[in-house]
Amino acid sequence: MALNTNKNLKLYYSIKEVADMFGLNESTLRFWETEFPFLKPKTSGANNVRQYTEKDIEQIRLIHNLVKVRGFKLAAARKLINANRDGSDRKAEIISRLIDIRSELQLLKRQLDGLQ
């Protein structure tokens, strides 16, 4: 059995790392935990240090897409997520993928323009 070198081996991320991933303040993530009951990162130690898993990050990606990208109010985002959990997850995944593809295409265009 071969070792999968592409797999991300990190199990937990700090609140600072996650906030940086999305360009958010740490306080925003803590606030979202109070507004979205399904967002519950593991806490450890005497100081209750938050440890985010990949699943937590996917939840944050969904919330970020609805609130920051699409402009939903928190109550509307919470209602949409609760009403259509699978559909909301899928839409956020598709939008994220399309943004990545657009960036790659823009890079290719710049490279092609440089050849002429």
PDB file of N, CA and C in Angstrom:
ATOM      1  N   MET A   1       0.845  -1.182   0.000  1.00  0.00           N
ATOM      2  CA  MET A   1       0.000   0.000   0.000  1.00  0.00           C
ATOM      3  C   MET A   1       0.893   1.248   0.000  1.00  0.00           C
ATOM      4  N   ALA A   2       0.698   2.092  -0.973  1.00  0.00           N
ATOM      5  CA  ALA A   2       1.538   3.281  -1.129  1.00  0.00           C
ATOM      6  C   ALA A   2       1.037   4.412  -0.229  1.00  0.00           C
ATOM      7  N   LEU A   3       1.961   5.214   0.213  1.00  0.00           N
ATOM      8  CA  LEU A   3       1.642   6.372   1.035  1.00  0.00           C
ATOM      9  C   LEU A   3       1.076   7.482   0.151  1.00  0.00           C
ATOM     10  N   ASN A   4      -0.049   8.040   0.557  1.00  0.00           N
ATOM     11  CA  ASN A   4      -0.671   9.123  -0.190  1.00  0.00           C
ATOM     12  C   ASN A   4      -0.015  10.437   0.239  1.00  0.00           C
ATOM     13  N   THR A   5       0.849  10.965  -0.598  1.00  0.00           N
ATOM     14  CA  THR A   5       1.578  12.184  -0.246  1.00  0.00           C
ATOM     15  C   THR A   5       0.762  13.444  -0.486  1.00  0.00           C
ATOM     16  N   ASN A   6      -0.356  13.353  -1.204  1.00  0.00           N
ATOM     17  CA  ASN A   6      -1.189  14.523  -1.479  1.00  0.00           C
ATOM     18  C   ASN A   6      -2.133  14.846  -0.337  1.00  0.00           C
ATOM     19  N   LYS A   7      -2.348  13.894   0.530  1.00  0.00           N
ATOM     20  CA  LYS A   7      -3.306  14.084   1.613  1.00  0.00           C
ATOM     21  C   LYS A   7      -2.735  15.023   2.667  1.00  0.00           C
ATOM     22  N   ASN A   8      -3.576  15.934   3.115  1.00  0.00           N
ATOM     23  CA  ASN A   8      -3.171  16.868   4.166  1.00  0.00           C
ATOM     24  C   ASN A   8      -3.149  16.101   5.480  1.00  0.00           C
ATOM     25  N   LEU A   9      -1.994  16.013   6.110  1.00  0.00           N
ATOM     26  CA  LEU A   9      -1.851  15.205   7.310  1.00  0.00           C
ATOM     27  C   LEU A   9      -2.146  15.974   8.593  1.00  0.00           C
ATOM     28  N   LYS A  10      -2.394  17.255   8.503  1.00  0.00           N
ATOM     29  CA  LYS A  10      -2.665  18.046   9.687  1.00  0.00           C
ATOM     30  C   LYS A  10      -4.092  17.769  10.154  1.00  0.00           C
ATOM     31  N   LEU A  11      -4.249  17.396  11.422  1.00  0.00           N
ATOM     32  CA  LEU A  11      -5.567  17.061  11.949  1.00  0.00           C
ATOM     33  C   LEU A  11      -6.309  18.264  12.495  1.00  0.00           C
ATOM     34  N   TYR A  12      -5.583  19.195  13.110  1.00  0.00           N
ATOM     35  CA  TYR A  12      -6.222  20.340  13.752  1.00  0.00           C
ATOM     36  C   TYR A  12      -5.541  21.637  13.342  1.00  0.00           C
ATOM     37  N   TYR A  13      -6.344  22.683  13.249  1.00  0.00           N
ATOM     38  CA  TYR A  13      -5.864  24.013  12.910  1.00  0.00           C
ATOM     39  C   TYR A  13      -6.226  24.962  14.042  1.00  0.00           C
ATOM     40  N   SER A  14      -5.379  25.934  14.291  1.00  0.00           N
ATOM     41  CA  SER A  14      -5.657  26.925  15.325  1.00  0.00           C
ATOM     42  C   SER A  14      -6.664  27.945  14.794  1.00  0.00           C
ATOM     43  N   ILE A  15      -7.244  28.699  15.698  1.00  0.00           N
ATOM     44  CA  ILE A  15      -8.210  29.721  15.286  1.00  0.00           C
ATOM     45  C   ILE A  15      -7.530  30.774  14.417  1.00  0.00           C
ATOM     46  N   LYS A  16      -6.274  31.068  14.688  1.00  0.00           N
ATOM     47  CA  LYS A  16      -5.537  32.049  13.875  1.00  0.00           C
ATOM     48  C   LYS A  16      -5.350  31.534  12.451  1.00  0.00           C
ATOM     49  N   GLU A  17      -4.980  30.268  12.307  1.00  0.00           N
ATOM     50  CA  GLU A  17      -4.800  29.694  10.975  1.00  0.00           C
ATOM     51  C   GLU A  17      -6.101  29.725  10.177  1.00  0.00           C
ATOM     52  N   VAL A  18      -7.196  29.367  10.835  1.00  0.00           N
ATOM     53  CA  VAL A  18      -8.486  29.339  10.150  1.00  0.00           C
ATOM     54  C   VAL A  18      -8.931  30.755   9.791  1.00  0.00           C
ATOM     55  N   ALA A  19      -8.761  31.689  10.698  1.00  0.00           N
ATOM     56  CA  ALA A  19      -9.124  33.081  10.420  1.00  0.00           C
ATOM     57  C   ALA A  19      -8.328  33.606   9.225  1.00  0.00           C
ATOM     58  N   ASP A  20      -7.044  33.284   9.158  1.00  0.00           N
ATOM     59  CA  ASP A  20      -6.200  33.719   8.045  1.00  0.00           C
ATOM     60  C   ASP A  20      -6.643  33.098   6.715  1.00  0.00           C
ATOM     61  N   MET A  21      -7.121  31.847   6.759  1.00  0.00           N
ATOM     62  CA  MET A  21      -7.586  31.169   5.543  1.00  0.00           C
ATOM     63  C   MET A  21      -8.711  31.954   4.867  1.00  0.00           C
ATOM     64  N   PHE A  22      -9.565  32.570   5.682  1.00  0.00           N
ATOM     65  CA  PHE A  22     -10.751  33.242   5.163  1.00  0.00           C
ATOM     66  C   PHE A  22     -10.668  34.760   5.240  1.00  0.00           C
ATOM     67  N   GLY A  23      -9.552  35.283   5.719  1.00  0.00           N
ATOM     68  CA  GLY A  23      -9.407  36.727   5.849  1.00  0.00           C
ATOM     69  C   GLY A  23     -10.357  37.317   6.878  1.00  0.00           C
ATOM     70  N   LEU A  24     -10.571  36.592   7.966  1.00  0.00           N
ATOM     71  CA  LEU A  24     -11.489  37.012   9.026  1.00  0.00           C
ATOM     72  C   LEU A  24     -10.723  37.321  10.302  1.00  0.00           C
ATOM     73  N   ASN A  25     -11.395  37.988  11.222  1.00  0.00           N
ATOM     74  CA  ASN A  25     -10.859  38.158  12.567  1.00  0.00           C
ATOM     75  C   ASN A  25     -11.198  36.922  13.385  1.00  0.00           C
ATOM     76  N   GLU A  26     -10.367  36.628  14.365  1.00  0.00           N
ATOM     77  CA  GLU A  26     -10.636  35.501  15.256  1.00  0.00           C
ATOM     78  C   GLU A  26     -11.954  35.706  15.995  1.00  0.00           C
ATOM     79  N   SER A  27     -12.265  36.947  16.332  1.00  0.00           N
ATOM     80  CA  SER A  27     -13.513  37.238  17.041  1.00  0.00           C
ATOM     81  C   SER A  27     -14.729  36.905  16.175  1.00  0.00           C
ATOM     82  N   THR A  28     -14.605  37.047  14.861  1.00  0.00           N
ATOM     83  CA  THR A  28     -15.708  36.687  13.967  1.00  0.00           C
ATOM     84  C   THR A  28     -15.987  35.199  14.046  1.00  0.00           C
ATOM     85  N   LEU A  29     -14.927  34.396  14.059  1.00  0.00           N
ATOM     86  CA  LEU A  29     -15.119  32.939  14.179  1.00  0.00           C
ATOM     87  C   LEU A  29     -15.769  32.578  15.510  1.00  0.00           C
ATOM     88  N   ARG A  30     -15.329  33.212  16.585  1.00  0.00           N
ATOM     89  CA  ARG A  30     -15.932  32.933  17.895  1.00  0.00           C
ATOM     90  C   ARG A  30     -17.407  33.336  17.902  1.00  0.00           C
ATOM     91  N   PHE A  31     -17.719  34.452  17.261  1.00  0.00           N
ATOM     92  CA  PHE A  31     -19.109  34.899  17.187  1.00  0.00           C
ATOM     93  C   PHE A  31     -19.947  33.920  16.368  1.00  0.00           C
ATOM     94  N   TRP A  32     -19.412  33.462  15.248  1.00  0.00           N
ATOM     95  CA  TRP A  32     -20.141  32.502  14.418  1.00  0.00           C
ATOM     96  C   TRP A  32     -20.442  31.217  15.188  1.00  0.00           C
ATOM     97  N   GLU A  33     -19.565  30.832  16.096  1.00  0.00           N
ATOM     98  CA  GLU A  33     -19.826  29.638  16.917  1.00  0.00           C
ATOM     99  C   GLU A  33     -21.091  29.817  17.754  1.00  0.00           C
ATOM    100  N   THR A  34     -21.374  31.047  18.187  1.00  0.00           N
ATOM    101  CA  THR A  34     -22.586  31.294  18.972  1.00  0.00           C
ATOM    102  C   THR A  34     -23.820  31.359  18.074  1.00  0.00           C
ATOM    103  N   GLU A  35     -23.641  31.767  16.829  1.00  0.00           N
ATOM    104  CA  GLU A  35     -24.768  31.924  15.901  1.00  0.00           C
ATOM    105  C   GLU A  35     -25.131  30.650  15.144  1.00  0.00           C
ATOM    106  N   PHE A  36     -24.173  29.768  14.958  1.00  0.00           N
ATOM    107  CA  PHE A  36     -24.390  28.533  14.210  1.00  0.00           C
ATOM    108  C   PHE A  36     -24.057  27.347  15.120  1.00  0.00           C
ATOM    109  N   PRO A  37     -25.079  26.726  15.696  1.00  0.00           N
ATOM    110  CA  PRO A  37     -24.849  25.674  16.700  1.00  0.00           C
ATOM    111  C   PRO A  37     -24.070  24.462  16.182  1.00  0.00           C
ATOM    112  N   PHE A  38     -24.098  24.211  14.886  1.00  0.00           N
ATOM    113  CA  PHE A  38     -23.370  23.062  14.341  1.00  0.00           C
ATOM    114  C   PHE A  38     -21.870  23.312  14.260  1.00  0.00           C
ATOM    115  N   LEU A  39     -21.425  24.546  14.452  1.00  0.00           N
ATOM    116  CA  LEU A  39     -20.003  24.889  14.403  1.00  0.00           C
ATOM    117  C   LEU A  39     -19.437  24.815  15.819  1.00  0.00           C
ATOM    118  N   LYS A  40     -18.837  23.688  16.152  1.00  0.00           N
ATOM    119  CA  LYS A  40     -18.298  23.459  17.492  1.00  0.00           C
ATOM    120  C   LYS A  40     -16.902  22.847  17.392  1.00  0.00           C
ATOM    121  N   PRO A  41     -15.867  23.677  17.307  1.00  0.00           N
ATOM    122  CA  PRO A  41     -14.520  23.108  17.272  1.00  0.00           C
ATOM    123  C   PRO A  41     -14.165  22.484  18.616  1.00  0.00           C
ATOM    124  N   LYS A  42     -13.259  21.540  18.550  1.00  0.00           N
ATOM    125  CA  LYS A  42     -12.777  20.883  19.765  1.00  0.00           C
ATOM    126  C   LYS A  42     -11.972  21.905  20.578  1.00  0.00           C
ATOM    127  N   THR A  43     -12.100  21.828  21.884  1.00  0.00           N
ATOM    128  CA  THR A  43     -11.292  22.684  22.753  1.00  0.00           C
ATOM    129  C   THR A  43     -10.431  21.799  23.637  1.00  0.00           C
ATOM    130  N   SER A  44      -9.241  22.292  23.953  1.00  0.00           N
ATOM    131  CA  SER A  44      -8.343  21.494  24.786  1.00  0.00           C
ATOM    132  C   SER A  44      -7.546  22.392  25.710  1.00  0.00           C
ATOM    133  N   GLY A  45      -7.041  21.805  26.749  1.00  0.00           N
ATOM    134  CA  GLY A  45      -6.195  22.524  27.686  1.00  0.00           C
ATOM    135  C   GLY A  45      -6.990  23.378  28.653  1.00  0.00           C
ATOM    136  N   ALA A  46      -6.294  23.926  29.607  1.00  0.00           N
ATOM    137  CA  ALA A  46      -6.923  24.751  30.631  1.00  0.00           C
ATOM    138  C   ALA A  46      -7.468  26.046  30.035  1.00  0.00           C
ATOM    139  N   ASN A  47      -6.866  26.502  28.938  1.00  0.00           N
ATOM    140  CA  ASN A  47      -7.298  27.751  28.318  1.00  0.00           C
ATOM    141  C   ASN A  47      -8.367  27.559  27.249  1.00  0.00           C
ATOM    142  N   ASN A  48      -8.855  26.315  27.092  1.00  0.00           N
ATOM    143  CA  ASN A  48      -9.870  26.005  26.070  1.00  0.00           C
ATOM    144  C   ASN A  48      -9.448  26.483  24.682  1.00  0.00           C
ATOM    145  N   VAL A  49      -8.269  26.076  24.261  1.00  0.00           N
ATOM    146  CA  VAL A  49      -7.743  26.431  22.945  1.00  0.00           C
ATOM    147  C   VAL A  49      -8.563  25.705  21.880  1.00  0.00           C
ATOM    148  N   ARG A  50      -9.076  26.457  20.897  1.00  0.00           N
ATOM    149  CA  ARG A  50      -9.890  25.875  19.837  1.00  0.00           C
ATOM    150  C   ARG A  50      -9.009  25.118  18.852  1.00  0.00           C
ATOM    151  N   GLN A  51      -9.513  23.932  18.448  1.00  0.00           N
ATOM    152  CA  GLN A  51      -8.823  23.120  17.456  1.00  0.00           C
ATOM    153  C   GLN A  51      -9.832  22.766  16.373  1.00  0.00           C
ATOM    154  N   TYR A  52      -9.632  23.320  15.187  1.00  0.00           N
ATOM    155  CA  TYR A  52     -10.562  23.133  14.075  1.00  0.00           C
ATOM    156  C   TYR A  52     -10.129  21.958  13.206  1.00  0.00           C
ATOM    157  N   THR A  53     -11.081  21.110  12.846  1.00  0.00           N
ATOM    158  CA  THR A  53     -10.836  19.989  11.942  1.00  0.00           C
ATOM    159  C   THR A  53     -11.197  20.420  10.520  1.00  0.00           C
ATOM    160  N   GLU A  54     -10.910  19.557   9.556  1.00  0.00           N
ATOM    161  CA  GLU A  54     -11.295  19.827   8.165  1.00  0.00           C
ATOM    162  C   GLU A  54     -12.810  19.999   8.062  1.00  0.00           C
ATOM    163  N   LYS A  55     -13.567  19.215   8.811  1.00  0.00           N
ATOM    164  CA  LYS A  55     -15.029  19.331   8.797  1.00  0.00           C
ATOM    165  C   LYS A  55     -15.461  20.715   9.297  1.00  0.00           C
ATOM    166  N   ASP A  56     -14.839  21.187  10.377  1.00  0.00           N
ATOM    167  CA  ASP A  56     -15.142  22.528  10.892  1.00  0.00           C
ATOM    168  C   ASP A  56     -14.836  23.589   9.840  1.00  0.00           C
ATOM    169  N   ILE A  57     -13.723  23.426   9.145  1.00  0.00           N
ATOM    170  CA  ILE A  57     -13.313  24.393   8.128  1.00  0.00           C
ATOM    171  C   ILE A  57     -14.319  24.399   6.970  1.00  0.00           C
ATOM    172  N   GLU A  58     -14.842  23.236   6.613  1.00  0.00           N
ATOM    173  CA  GLU A  58     -15.872  23.180   5.566  1.00  0.00           C
ATOM    174  C   GLU A  58     -17.134  23.907   6.014  1.00  0.00           C
ATOM    175  N   GLN A  59     -17.486  23.772   7.289  1.00  0.00           N
ATOM    176  CA  GLN A  59     -18.646  24.492   7.825  1.00  0.00           C
ATOM    177  C   GLN A  59     -18.409  26.004   7.743  1.00  0.00           C
ATOM    178  N   ILE A  60     -17.207  26.424   8.097  1.00  0.00           N
ATOM    179  CA  ILE A  60     -16.865  27.844   8.044  1.00  0.00           C
ATOM    180  C   ILE A  60     -16.874  28.333   6.600  1.00  0.00           C
ATOM    181  N   ARG A  61     -16.386  27.509   5.681  1.00  0.00           N
ATOM    182  CA  ARG A  61     -16.389  27.878   4.260  1.00  0.00           C
ATOM    183  C   ARG A  61     -17.828  28.131   3.788  1.00  0.00           C
ATOM    184  N   LEU A  62     -18.756  27.293   4.223  1.00  0.00           N
ATOM    185  CA  LEU A  62     -20.156  27.455   3.862  1.00  0.00           C
ATOM    186  C   LEU A  62     -20.715  28.757   4.439  1.00  0.00           C
ATOM    187  N   ILE A  63     -20.474  28.999   5.712  1.00  0.00           N
ATOM    188  CA  ILE A  63     -20.955  30.223   6.363  1.00  0.00           C
ATOM    189  C   ILE A  63     -20.331  31.446   5.696  1.00  0.00           C
ATOM    190  N   HIS A  64     -19.029  31.401   5.452  1.00  0.00           N
ATOM    191  CA  HIS A  64     -18.318  32.511   4.815  1.00  0.00           C
ATOM    192  C   HIS A  64     -18.914  32.810   3.446  1.00  0.00           C
ATOM    193  N   ASN A  65     -19.186  31.770   2.670  1.00  0.00           N
ATOM    194  CA  ASN A  65     -19.759  31.957   1.345  1.00  0.00           C
ATOM    195  C   ASN A  65     -21.116  32.652   1.433  1.00  0.00           C
ATOM    196  N   LEU A  66     -21.957  32.207   2.345  1.00  0.00           N
ATOM    197  CA  LEU A  66     -23.288  32.795   2.459  1.00  0.00           C
ATOM    198  C   LEU A  66     -23.248  34.220   2.997  1.00  0.00           C
ATOM    199  N   VAL A  67     -22.457  34.440   4.039  1.00  0.00           N
ATOM    200  CA  VAL A  67     -22.480  35.731   4.733  1.00  0.00           C
ATOM    201  C   VAL A  67     -21.576  36.763   4.064  1.00  0.00           C
ATOM    202  N   LYS A  68     -20.342  36.408   3.808  1.00  0.00           N
ATOM    203  CA  LYS A  68     -19.370  37.387   3.297  1.00  0.00           C
ATOM    204  C   LYS A  68     -19.386  37.510   1.771  1.00  0.00           C
ATOM    205  N   VAL A  69     -19.562  36.396   1.064  1.00  0.00           N
ATOM    206  CA  VAL A  69     -19.517  36.434  -0.399  1.00  0.00           C
ATOM    207  C   VAL A  69     -20.876  36.816  -0.984  1.00  0.00           C
ATOM    208  N   ARG A  70     -21.926  36.135  -0.506  1.00  0.00           N
ATOM    209  CA  ARG A  70     -23.252  36.353  -1.086  1.00  0.00           C
ATOM    210  C   ARG A  70     -24.078  37.401  -0.344  1.00  0.00           C
ATOM    211  N   GLY A  71     -23.621  37.860   0.811  1.00  0.00           N
ATOM    212  CA  GLY A  71     -24.263  38.967   1.509  1.00  0.00           C
ATOM    213  C   GLY A  71     -25.495  38.622   2.329  1.00  0.00           C
ATOM    214  N   PHE A  72     -25.658  37.366   2.718  1.00  0.00           N
ATOM    215  CA  PHE A  72     -26.801  36.975   3.540  1.00  0.00           C
ATOM    216  C   PHE A  72     -26.640  37.521   4.959  1.00  0.00           C
ATOM    217  N   LYS A  73     -27.737  37.845   5.598  1.00  0.00           N
ATOM    218  CA  LYS A  73     -27.735  38.148   7.029  1.00  0.00           C
ATOM    219  C   LYS A  73     -27.530  36.829   7.758  1.00  0.00           C
ATOM    220  N   LEU A  74     -27.037  36.892   9.003  1.00  0.00           N
ATOM    221  CA  LEU A  74     -26.759  35.662   9.754  1.00  0.00           C
ATOM    222  C   LEU A  74     -28.005  34.803   9.919  1.00  0.00           C
ATOM    223  N   ALA A  75     -29.135  35.425  10.239  1.00  0.00           N
ATOM    224  CA  ALA A  75     -30.377  34.663  10.439  1.00  0.00           C
ATOM    225  C   ALA A  75     -30.799  33.967   9.143  1.00  0.00           C
ATOM    226  N   ALA A  76     -30.655  34.659   8.015  1.00  0.00           N
ATOM    227  CA  ALA A  76     -31.021  34.067   6.730  1.00  0.00           C
ATOM    228  C   ALA A  76     -30.080  32.921   6.372  1.00  0.00           C
ATOM    229  N   ALA A  77     -28.804  33.097   6.638  1.00  0.00           N
ATOM    230  CA  ALA A  77     -27.831  32.031   6.368  1.00  0.00           C
ATOM    231  C   ALA A  77     -28.124  30.810   7.225  1.00  0.00           C
ATOM    232  N   ARG A  78     -28.398  31.035   8.511  1.00  0.00           N
ATOM    233  CA  ARG A  78     -28.714  29.937   9.419  1.00  0.00           C
ATOM    234  C   ARG A  78     -29.970  29.200   8.952  1.00  0.00           C
ATOM    235  N   LYS A  79     -30.984  29.953   8.537  1.00  0.00           N
ATOM    236  CA  LYS A  79     -32.240  29.354   8.070  1.00  0.00           C
ATOM    237  C   LYS A  79     -32.005  28.528   6.803  1.00  0.00           C
ATOM    238  N   LEU A  80     -31.243  29.070   5.864  1.00  0.00           N
ATOM    239  CA  LEU A  80     -30.951  28.359   4.622  1.00  0.00           C
ATOM    240  C   LEU A  80     -30.180  27.072   4.891  1.00  0.00           C
ATOM    241  N   ILE A  81     -29.198  27.155   5.750  1.00  0.00           N
ATOM    242  CA  ILE A  81     -28.387  25.977   6.068  1.00  0.00           C
ATOM    243  C   ILE A  81     -29.249  24.904   6.723  1.00  0.00           C
ATOM    244  N   ASN A  82     -30.083  25.301   7.671  1.00  0.00           N
ATOM    245  CA  ASN A  82     -30.936  24.327   8.359  1.00  0.00           C
ATOM    246  C   ASN A  82     -31.979  23.718   7.434  1.00  0.00           C
ATOM    247  N   ALA A  83     -32.503  24.511   6.494  1.00  0.00           N
ATOM    248  CA  ALA A  83     -33.543  24.017   5.588  1.00  0.00           C
ATOM    249  C   ALA A  83     -32.982  23.111   4.497  1.00  0.00           C
ATOM    250  N   ASN A  84     -31.788  23.408   4.049  1.00  0.00           N
ATOM    251  CA  ASN A  84     -31.241  22.682   2.907  1.00  0.00           C
ATOM    252  C   ASN A  84     -29.763  22.413   3.112  1.00  0.00           C
ATOM    253  N   ARG A  85     -29.455  21.613   4.063  1.00  0.00           N
ATOM    254  CA  ARG A  85     -28.070  21.368   4.454  1.00  0.00           C
ATOM    255  C   ARG A  85     -27.211  20.857   3.302  1.00  0.00           C
ATOM    256  N   ASP A  86     -27.637  19.808   2.626  1.00  0.00           N
ATOM    257  CA  ASP A  86     -26.832  19.222   1.554  1.00  0.00           C
ATOM    258  C   ASP A  86     -26.711  20.155   0.357  1.00  0.00           C
ATOM    259  N   GLY A  87     -27.795  20.805  -0.018  1.00  0.00           N
ATOM    260  CA  GLY A  87     -27.768  21.722  -1.153  1.00  0.00           C
ATOM    261  C   GLY A  87     -26.864  22.907  -0.908  1.00  0.00           C
ATOM    262  N   SER A  88     -26.883  23.449   0.306  1.00  0.00           N
ATOM    263  CA  SER A  88     -26.034  24.592   0.644  1.00  0.00           C
ATOM    264  C   SER A  88     -24.567  24.202   0.606  1.00  0.00           C
ATOM    265  N   ASP A  89     -24.253  23.023   1.146  1.00  0.00           N
ATOM    266  CA  ASP A  89     -22.874  22.545   1.115  1.00  0.00           C
ATOM    267  C   ASP A  89     -22.385  22.413  -0.324  1.00  0.00           C
ATOM    268  N   ARG A  90     -23.210  21.841  -1.167  1.00  0.00           N
ATOM    269  CA  ARG A  90     -22.835  21.589  -2.552  1.00  0.00           C
ATOM    270  C   ARG A  90     -22.622  22.909  -3.308  1.00  0.00           C
ATOM    271  N   LYS A  91     -23.520  23.872  -3.087  1.00  0.00           N
ATOM    272  CA  LYS A  91     -23.384  25.172  -3.757  1.00  0.00           C
ATOM    273  C   LYS A  91     -22.086  25.859  -3.353  1.00  0.00           C
ATOM    274  N   ALA A  92     -21.762  25.825  -2.073  1.00  0.00           N
ATOM    275  CA  ALA A  92     -20.524  26.453  -1.602  1.00  0.00           C
ATOM    276  C   ALA A  92     -19.309  25.775  -2.226  1.00  0.00           C
ATOM    277  N   GLU A  93     -19.356  24.467  -2.340  1.00  0.00           N
ATOM    278  CA  GLU A  93     -18.258  23.712  -2.944  1.00  0.00           C
ATOM    279  C   GLU A  93     -18.108  24.079  -4.420  1.00  0.00           C
ATOM    280  N   ILE A  94     -19.221  24.179  -5.122  1.00  0.00           N
ATOM    281  CA  ILE A  94     -19.189  24.518  -6.543  1.00  0.00           C
ATOM    282  C   ILE A  94     -18.641  25.926  -6.751  1.00  0.00           C
ATOM    283  N   ILE A  95     -19.104  26.875  -5.953  1.00  0.00           N
ATOM    284  CA  ILE A  95     -18.633  28.256  -6.084  1.00  0.00           C
ATOM    285  C   ILE A  95     -17.137  28.338  -5.816  1.00  0.00           C
ATOM    286  N   SER A  96     -16.681  27.642  -4.781  1.00  0.00           N
ATOM    287  CA  SER A  96     -15.255  27.638  -4.469  1.00  0.00           C
ATOM    288  C   SER A  96     -14.445  27.064  -5.630  1.00  0.00           C
ATOM    289  N   ARG A  97     -14.923  25.980  -6.203  1.00  0.00           N
ATOM    290  CA  ARG A  97     -14.231  25.343  -7.324  1.00  0.00           C
ATOM    291  C   ARG A  97     -14.195  26.267  -8.546  1.00  0.00           C
ATOM    292  N   LEU A  98     -15.324  26.936  -8.823  1.00  0.00           N
ATOM    293  CA  LEU A  98     -15.380  27.851  -9.959  1.00  0.00           C
ATOM    294  C   LEU A  98     -14.421  29.033  -9.783  1.00  0.00           C
ATOM    295  N   ILE A  99     -14.297  29.524  -8.571  1.00  0.00           N
ATOM    296  CA  ILE A  99     -13.365  30.616  -8.303  1.00  0.00           C
ATOM    297  C   ILE A  99     -11.935  30.164  -8.569  1.00  0.00           C
ATOM    298  N   ASP A 100     -11.608  28.940  -8.147  1.00  0.00           N
ATOM    299  CA  ASP A 100     -10.273  28.393  -8.405  1.00  0.00           C
ATOM    300  C   ASP A 100     -10.020  28.244  -9.906  1.00  0.00           C
ATOM    301  N   ILE A 101     -11.017  27.755 -10.629  1.00  0.00           N
ATOM    302  CA  ILE A 101     -10.870  27.562 -12.078  1.00  0.00           C
ATOM    303  C   ILE A 101     -10.680  28.908 -12.771  1.00  0.00           C
ATOM    304  N   ARG A 102     -11.451  29.920 -12.360  1.00  0.00           N
ATOM    305  CA  ARG A 102     -11.316  31.258 -12.949  1.00  0.00           C
ATOM    306  C   ARG A 102      -9.909  31.795 -12.737  1.00  0.00           C
ATOM    307  N   SER A 103      -9.372  31.605 -11.549  1.00  0.00           N
ATOM    308  CA  SER A 103      -8.008  32.075 -11.262  1.00  0.00           C
ATOM    309  C   SER A 103      -6.994  31.383 -12.158  1.00  0.00           C
ATOM    310  N   GLU A 104      -7.159  30.070 -12.348  1.00  0.00           N
ATOM    311  CA  GLU A 104      -6.243  29.330 -13.217  1.00  0.00           C
ATOM    312  C   GLU A 104      -6.345  29.812 -14.661  1.00  0.00           C
ATOM    313  N   LEU A 105      -7.561  30.059 -15.122  1.00  0.00           N
ATOM    314  CA  LEU A 105      -7.753  30.535 -16.492  1.00  0.00           C
ATOM    315  C   LEU A 105      -7.163  31.930 -16.689  1.00  0.00           C
ATOM    316  N   GLN A 106      -7.311  32.799 -15.694  1.00  0.00           N
ATOM    317  CA  GLN A 106      -6.735  34.132 -15.782  1.00  0.00           C
ATOM    318  C   GLN A 106      -5.218  34.064 -15.845  1.00  0.00           C
ATOM    319  N   LEU A 107      -4.627  33.172 -15.077  1.00  0.00           N
ATOM    320  CA  LEU A 107      -3.177  32.987 -15.112  1.00  0.00           C
ATOM    321  C   LEU A 107      -2.732  32.495 -16.485  1.00  0.00           C
ATOM    322  N   LEU A 108      -3.443  31.522 -17.046  1.00  0.00           N
ATOM    323  CA  LEU A 108      -3.112  31.016 -18.380  1.00  0.00           C
ATOM    324  C   LEU A 108      -3.223  32.117 -19.433  1.00  0.00           C
ATOM    325  N   LYS A 109      -4.253  32.942 -19.326  1.00  0.00           N
ATOM    326  CA  LYS A 109      -4.436  34.046 -20.276  1.00  0.00           C
ATOM    327  C   LYS A 109      -3.263  35.017 -20.200  1.00  0.00           C
ATOM    328  N   ARG A 110      -2.838  35.361 -18.987  1.00  0.00           N
ATOM    329  CA  ARG A 110      -1.693  36.270 -18.837  1.00  0.00           C
ATOM    330  C   ARG A 110      -0.430  35.656 -19.438  1.00  0.00           C
ATOM    331  N   GLN A 111      -0.251  34.356 -19.229  1.00  0.00           N
ATOM    332  CA  GLN A 111       0.911  33.686 -19.799  1.00  0.00           C
ATOM    333  C   GLN A 111       0.873  33.673 -21.324  1.00  0.00           C
ATOM    334  N   LEU A 112      -0.310  33.428 -21.875  1.00  0.00           N
ATOM    335  CA  LEU A 112      -0.463  33.418 -23.336  1.00  0.00           C
ATOM    336  C   LEU A 112      -0.275  34.809 -23.924  1.00  0.00           C
ATOM    337  N   ASP A 113      -0.779  35.815 -23.232  1.00  0.00           N
ATOM    338  CA  ASP A 113      -0.602  37.202 -23.686  1.00  0.00           C
ATOM    339  C   ASP A 113       0.878  37.589 -23.702  1.00  0.00           C
ATOM    340  N   GLY A 114       1.645  37.020 -22.784  1.00  0.00           N
ATOM    341  CA  GLY A 114       3.075  37.311 -22.699  1.00  0.00           C
ATOM    342  C   GLY A 114       3.864  36.680 -23.840  1.00  0.00           C
ATOM    343  N   LEU A 115       3.325  35.654 -24.477  1.00  0.00           N
ATOM    344  CA  LEU A 115       4.005  34.985 -25.581  1.00  0.00           C
ATOM    345  C   LEU A 115       3.901  35.755 -26.892  1.00  0.00           C
ATOM    346  N   GLN A 116       2.927  36.624 -27.007  1.00  0.00           N
ATOM    347  CA  GLN A 116       2.702  37.325 -28.282  1.00  0.00           C
ATOM    348  C   GLN A 116       3.533  38.567 -28.393  1.00  0.00           C
TER     349      GLN A 116
END
